[in-house]
Amino acid sequence: MRVVIVGAGALGSLFGGLLARAGATVSLYNPSNVEHMRAIAREGLRIERDGESFQVALEARTTPEALAHADWVGIFVKAHQTGRAMAEIGPQIPSRAWVFSLQNGVGMESEILKFIPKERFVRGVTSQGATLLGPGRVRWAGVGPTKVGRWEGPNTPELEALREHLCRAGIETELSEGIERLLWEKLLVNCAINPLTALFDRPNGALLEDAQLREIAREVVRETLRVARAHGVVLSDEEAIERVEAVASKTARNISSMLQDVRRGRPTEIDYINGAVVREGQRLGIPTPLNLLLTKLLKERWK
């Protein structure tokens, strides 16, 4: 299987490195982080986990030539970068190739579907965590299930082949036909953990240790769930809170992707996480004042 990872930051590099280690032909593509790509091309990608590390040799480029030979294209750019990235690479993706996205948030799918037919687009969610430590170095920060499904239509042999490759790579993966519901269940987690850790500059576990932050996070979950129920989520308030707090506990030492962006002075994905809840709440007539506040605070502080 020939895979091109578009947006080889922390998570994209991790997935690409693990797939290459398992025998796939992988090319990482990132035109902006030149130093990272050069380090991988020169020495391979070093993946570190629990005090141990291993090196993986794979192709790393700042130009997209490898797309012409791709069987699968993984979109790992930040949500707000999707439109620009697809405008650059979309015309170069072969008509026979499949595209998969494990991006945070919802709403960027429309940018991908401008170039990719719905029947060849695969969307998913993942609990895998990654942190970019420096050029050519990624920390495998968390392990958890990955679920993928076609945007439109039933599962196919091609999708099963992707699942098998990911599992061989050590990425536990399941196929799902209810991908919209899964996206909104993941959004419940991201809406609570990401903005609060970013605003208060704290690791995920702080949301459980600080009683006030914990209560704010719970209220965000309750508010988000009222919108998520319109997208097939059937959790009770208590079940949703328990799920979010379980993630915060399991990833207590992790630095959320939004906090990583804030610390590097980069734009965040807030418009596709809490901002997406605000927009959908407005469409449905459901008030979302907490999500609106968090969105505005992040956008005003880190314009």
Protein backbone atom coordinates (compact mmCIF):
# COMPACT_ATOMS: atom_id res chain seq x y z
CA MET A 1 0.00 0.00 0.00
CA ARG A 2 1.35 3.41 -1.01
CA VAL A 3 0.37 6.17 1.40
CA VAL A 4 1.00 9.91 1.31
CA ILE A 5 0.50 11.78 4.59
CA VAL A 6 -0.42 15.42 3.97
CA GLY A 7 0.37 17.58 6.96
CA ALA A 8 3.15 15.62 8.63
CA GLY A 9 3.13 17.30 12.00
CA ALA A 10 2.92 15.32 15.22
CA LEU A 11 0.01 12.98 14.50
CA GLY A 12 0.63 12.72 10.76
CA SER A 13 4.27 11.82 11.34
CA LEU A 14 3.28 9.23 13.95
CA PHE A 15 0.78 7.51 11.66
CA GLY A 16 3.15 7.66 8.70
CA GLY A 17 6.04 6.31 10.73
CA LEU A 18 4.04 3.44 12.21
CA LEU A 19 2.62 2.47 8.80
CA ALA A 20 6.11 2.52 7.25
CA ARG A 21 7.45 0.42 10.11
CA ALA A 22 4.69 -2.14 9.34
CA GLY A 23 5.67 -2.39 5.68
CA ALA A 24 3.64 0.25 3.85
CA THR A 25 5.34 2.57 1.37
CA VAL A 26 4.89 5.97 3.00
CA SER A 27 5.76 9.50 1.97
CA LEU A 28 5.36 12.38 4.41
CA TYR A 29 4.48 15.74 2.86
CA ASN A 30 4.78 19.00 4.75
CA PRO A 31 5.76 22.15 2.82
CA SER A 32 5.98 24.40 5.89
CA ASN A 33 8.08 22.50 8.44
CA VAL A 34 11.16 22.16 6.26
CA GLU A 35 13.52 21.39 9.14
CA HIS A 36 11.37 18.47 10.28
CA MET A 37 11.17 17.02 6.76
CA ARG A 38 14.90 17.36 6.21
CA ALA A 39 15.70 15.64 9.49
CA ILE A 40 13.45 12.69 8.58
CA ALA A 41 14.84 12.44 5.06
CA ARG A 42 18.36 12.47 6.44
CA GLU A 43 18.09 10.27 9.53
CA GLY A 44 14.58 8.81 9.62
CA LEU A 45 11.77 9.51 12.08
CA ARG A 46 12.43 8.82 15.75
CA ILE A 47 9.30 7.78 17.67
CA GLU A 48 9.58 7.92 21.46
CA ARG A 49 7.25 6.25 23.93
CA ASP A 50 7.49 5.46 27.64
CA GLY A 51 11.22 6.11 27.80
CA GLU A 52 12.01 3.98 24.77
CA SER A 53 12.43 4.92 21.12
CA PHE A 54 12.83 3.50 17.65
CA GLN A 55 13.87 4.91 14.30
CA VAL A 56 11.87 4.52 11.08
CA ALA A 57 13.24 5.21 7.61
CA LEU A 58 10.69 6.77 5.25
CA GLU A 59 10.41 9.40 2.56
CA ALA A 60 9.82 13.00 3.64
CA ARG A 61 9.19 15.81 1.18
CA THR A 62 8.26 19.47 1.03
CA THR A 63 6.88 19.01 -2.49
CA PRO A 64 3.92 16.76 -3.42
CA GLU A 65 5.30 14.58 -6.26
CA ALA A 66 4.51 11.34 -4.40
CA LEU A 67 0.78 12.03 -4.69
CA ALA A 68 0.82 10.82 -8.29
CA HIS A 69 1.45 7.23 -7.11
CA ALA A 70 -0.69 7.18 -3.96
CA ASP A 71 -3.26 4.51 -3.18
CA TRP A 72 -4.28 6.37 -0.03
CA VAL A 73 -3.87 10.03 0.93
CA GLY A 74 -4.14 10.89 4.63
CA ILE A 75 -5.18 14.44 5.46
CA PHE A 76 -3.57 15.46 8.76
CA VAL A 77 -3.37 19.24 8.39
CA LYS A 78 -5.02 21.41 11.02
CA ALA A 79 -8.73 21.90 10.35
CA HIS A 80 -8.35 25.56 9.40
CA GLN A 81 -5.62 24.66 6.88
CA THR A 82 -7.75 22.17 4.97
CA GLY A 83 -9.06 24.51 2.29
CA ARG A 84 -5.62 25.82 1.37
CA ALA A 85 -4.06 22.36 1.45
CA MET A 86 -6.74 20.83 -0.75
CA ALA A 87 -6.46 23.66 -3.27
CA GLU A 88 -2.77 22.81 -3.58
CA ILE A 89 -2.95 19.02 -3.67
CA GLY A 90 -6.48 18.21 -4.77
CA PRO A 91 -5.82 18.41 -8.52
CA GLN A 92 -2.78 16.12 -8.10
CA ILE A 93 -4.56 13.26 -6.32
CA PRO A 94 -5.13 10.36 -8.76
CA SER A 95 -8.76 9.53 -9.50
CA ARG A 96 -8.19 5.95 -8.29
CA ALA A 97 -6.83 7.05 -4.89
CA TRP A 98 -8.78 7.05 -1.64
CA VAL A 99 -8.56 9.87 0.89
CA PHE A 100 -8.91 9.55 4.66
CA SER A 101 -9.08 12.20 7.35
CA LEU A 102 -8.61 11.79 11.11
CA GLN A 103 -8.68 15.54 11.77
CA ASN A 104 -10.14 17.10 14.89
CA GLY A 105 -13.45 18.89 14.68
CA VAL A 106 -16.20 18.97 12.09
CA GLY A 107 -16.88 21.11 9.03
CA MET A 108 -13.64 20.79 7.07
CA GLU A 109 -15.06 17.84 5.14
CA SER A 110 -16.67 20.20 2.64
CA GLU A 111 -13.23 21.46 1.62
CA ILE A 112 -12.01 17.91 0.93
CA LEU A 113 -15.15 16.99 -0.99
CA LYS A 114 -14.56 19.81 -3.46
CA PHE A 115 -11.85 17.58 -4.94
CA ILE A 116 -12.69 14.04 -3.83
CA PRO A 117 -15.87 12.08 -4.65
CA LYS A 118 -17.87 11.12 -1.57
CA GLU A 119 -17.56 7.42 -2.31
CA ARG A 120 -13.74 7.62 -2.05
CA PHE A 121 -13.63 9.71 1.12
CA VAL A 122 -13.09 8.02 4.48
CA ARG A 123 -13.57 9.91 7.73
CA GLY A 124 -12.48 8.79 11.15
CA VAL A 125 -11.67 9.58 14.75
CA THR A 126 -8.65 8.50 16.75
CA SER A 127 -7.58 8.45 20.37
CA GLN A 128 -3.91 8.20 19.42
CA GLY A 129 -1.88 11.09 20.79
CA ALA A 130 1.34 12.61 19.51
CA THR A 131 3.64 15.49 20.37
CA LEU A 132 6.29 16.93 18.08
CA LEU A 133 9.47 17.07 20.17
CA GLY A 134 11.73 18.60 17.53
CA PRO A 135 12.94 18.01 13.97
CA GLY A 136 12.59 14.31 13.20
CA ARG A 137 11.30 13.42 16.70
CA VAL A 138 7.76 12.55 17.78
CA ARG A 139 6.49 11.36 21.13
CA TRP A 140 3.76 8.72 20.95
CA ALA A 141 1.79 10.36 23.73
CA GLY A 142 -1.32 8.23 23.95
CA VAL A 143 -2.76 4.96 22.70
CA GLY A 144 -6.43 4.37 22.00
CA PRO A 145 -8.89 3.13 19.39
CA THR A 146 -9.25 4.52 15.89
CA LYS A 147 -12.54 4.22 13.99
CA VAL A 148 -13.03 4.90 10.29
CA GLY A 149 -15.90 4.73 7.84
CA ARG A 150 -16.87 5.86 4.37
CA TRP A 151 -18.49 9.26 4.14
CA GLU A 152 -21.08 7.71 1.87
CA GLY A 153 -21.79 4.05 1.18
CA PRO A 154 -21.04 0.69 2.86
CA ASN A 155 -17.61 -0.62 3.77
CA THR A 156 -15.48 -1.98 0.92
CA PRO A 157 -12.42 -4.25 0.51
CA GLU A 158 -10.27 -1.13 0.14
CA LEU A 159 -11.42 0.15 3.51
CA GLU A 160 -10.83 -3.25 5.09
CA ALA A 161 -7.30 -3.20 3.66
CA LEU A 162 -6.68 0.20 5.30
CA ARG A 163 -7.95 -1.15 8.61
CA GLU A 164 -5.65 -4.17 8.37
CA HIS A 165 -2.60 -2.00 7.60
CA LEU A 166 -3.36 0.29 10.54
CA CYS A 167 -3.79 -2.65 12.89
CA ARG A 168 -0.50 -4.17 11.74
CA ALA A 169 1.09 -0.81 12.48
CA GLY A 170 -0.05 -1.01 16.09
CA ILE A 171 -2.98 1.37 15.58
CA GLU A 172 -6.06 -0.48 16.82
CA THR A 173 -8.71 0.29 14.18
CA GLU A 174 -12.38 -0.57 13.70
CA LEU A 175 -14.73 0.06 10.78
CA SER A 176 -17.87 2.07 11.43
CA GLU A 177 -20.94 3.00 9.41
CA GLY A 178 -22.04 5.66 11.90
CA ILE A 179 -19.18 8.07 11.38
CA GLU A 180 -21.16 11.30 11.93
CA ARG A 181 -22.17 10.17 15.41
CA LEU A 182 -18.56 9.26 16.21
CA LEU A 183 -17.35 12.69 15.08
CA TRP A 184 -19.76 14.38 17.46
CA GLU A 185 -18.89 12.04 20.30
CA LYS A 186 -15.23 12.98 19.79
CA LEU A 187 -16.27 16.63 19.65
CA LEU A 188 -17.69 16.32 23.17
CA VAL A 189 -14.19 15.49 24.37
CA ASN A 190 -12.40 18.13 22.33
CA CYS A 191 -14.84 20.92 23.23
CA ALA A 192 -14.18 20.43 26.93
CA ILE A 193 -10.49 19.55 27.05
CA ASN A 194 -8.86 21.54 24.25
CA PRO A 195 -9.95 25.13 24.92
CA LEU A 196 -9.68 24.94 28.71
CA THR A 197 -6.18 23.45 28.66
CA ALA A 198 -5.18 26.05 26.05
CA LEU A 199 -6.60 29.01 27.96
CA PHE A 200 -5.14 27.97 31.31
CA ASP A 201 -1.90 26.50 29.96
CA ARG A 202 -2.38 23.22 31.78
CA PRO A 203 -2.07 19.51 30.86
CA ASN A 204 -5.23 17.48 30.38
CA GLY A 205 -5.26 16.12 33.92
CA ALA A 206 -5.67 19.61 35.36
CA LEU A 207 -9.34 19.48 34.40
CA LEU A 208 -9.81 16.78 37.04
CA GLU A 209 -7.48 18.20 39.68
CA ASP A 210 -8.91 21.72 39.71
CA ALA A 211 -12.51 21.64 41.03
CA GLN A 212 -13.53 24.84 39.24
CA LEU A 213 -12.11 23.77 35.89
CA ARG A 214 -13.77 20.39 36.32
CA GLU A 215 -17.19 21.99 36.80
CA ILE A 216 -16.69 24.30 33.81
CA ALA A 217 -15.70 21.32 31.66
CA ARG A 218 -18.82 19.46 32.77
CA GLU A 219 -21.03 22.38 31.82
CA VAL A 220 -19.35 22.55 28.40
CA VAL A 221 -20.09 18.85 27.92
CA ARG A 222 -23.74 19.29 28.89
CA GLU A 223 -24.16 22.21 26.51
CA THR A 224 -22.37 20.49 23.62
CA LEU A 225 -24.38 17.31 24.13
CA ARG A 226 -27.64 19.17 23.49
CA VAL A 227 -26.35 19.91 19.98
CA ALA A 228 -24.69 16.52 19.50
CA ARG A 229 -27.96 14.69 20.09
CA ALA A 230 -29.20 16.09 16.77
CA HIS A 231 -26.35 14.12 15.15
CA GLY A 232 -27.15 10.73 16.58
CA VAL A 233 -25.39 10.90 19.95
CA VAL A 234 -27.59 9.13 22.52
CA LEU A 235 -25.48 9.52 25.66
CA SER A 236 -26.95 10.86 28.89
CA ASP A 237 -25.31 13.87 30.53
CA GLU A 238 -23.70 11.58 33.09
CA GLU A 239 -22.40 9.16 30.45
CA ALA A 240 -20.93 11.98 28.37
CA ILE A 241 -19.21 13.56 31.37
CA GLU A 242 -17.84 10.20 32.46
CA ARG A 243 -16.44 9.60 28.97
CA VAL A 244 -14.74 13.01 28.82
CA GLU A 245 -13.27 12.67 32.30
CA ALA A 246 -12.01 9.18 31.47
CA VAL A 247 -10.08 10.65 28.53
CA ALA A 248 -8.69 13.45 30.70
CA SER A 249 -7.57 10.88 33.27
CA LYS A 250 -6.01 8.54 30.73
CA THR A 251 -4.15 11.43 29.06
CA ALA A 252 -3.49 13.39 32.26
CA ARG A 253 0.12 14.24 31.38
CA ASN A 254 -0.60 15.04 27.74
CA ILE A 255 -0.52 18.52 26.26
CA SER A 256 -3.61 18.97 24.09
CA SER A 257 -3.14 19.80 20.42
CA MET A 258 -4.73 23.20 20.99
CA LEU A 259 -2.34 24.04 23.81
CA GLN A 260 0.57 22.90 21.61
CA ASP A 261 -0.62 25.38 18.97
CA VAL A 262 -0.97 28.17 21.51
CA ARG A 263 2.51 27.58 22.90
CA ARG A 264 3.95 27.76 19.39
CA GLY A 265 2.00 30.94 18.60
CA ARG A 266 -0.02 29.24 15.87
CA PRO A 267 -3.74 29.57 15.03
CA THR A 268 -5.90 26.98 16.76
CA GLU A 269 -8.71 24.74 15.47
CA ILE A 270 -11.26 26.46 17.70
CA ASP A 271 -13.57 27.34 14.75
CA TYR A 272 -13.95 23.65 13.93
CA ILE A 273 -14.40 22.48 17.51
CA ASN A 274 -16.32 24.85 19.82
CA GLY A 275 -17.05 27.18 16.91
CA ALA A 276 -18.69 24.30 15.04
CA VAL A 277 -20.98 23.72 18.02
CA VAL A 278 -21.92 27.40 18.04
CA ARG A 279 -22.79 27.39 14.34
CA GLU A 280 -24.82 24.20 14.59
CA GLY A 281 -26.54 25.45 17.72
CA GLN A 282 -27.60 28.59 15.88
CA ARG A 283 -28.97 26.48 13.02
CA LEU A 284 -30.92 24.28 15.42
CA GLY A 285 -32.05 27.07 17.74
CA ILE A 286 -30.06 25.69 20.70
CA PRO A 287 -28.21 28.27 22.85
CA THR A 288 -24.46 27.60 23.24
CA PRO A 289 -23.12 30.50 25.36
CA LEU A 290 -20.20 28.59 26.88
CA ASN A 291 -18.95 27.35 23.52
CA LEU A 292 -19.33 30.87 22.14
CA LEU A 293 -17.34 32.31 25.05
CA LEU A 294 -14.52 29.78 24.67
CA THR A 295 -14.40 30.38 20.92
CA LYS A 296 -14.21 34.14 21.34
CA LEU A 297 -11.59 33.97 24.10
CA LEU A 298 -9.28 31.78 22.00
CA LYS A 299 -9.75 33.85 18.84
CA GLU A 300 -9.26 37.18 20.59
CA ARG A 301 -6.21 36.12 22.56
CA TRP A 302 -4.43 34.34 19.69
CA LYS A 303 -5.48 36.12 16.52
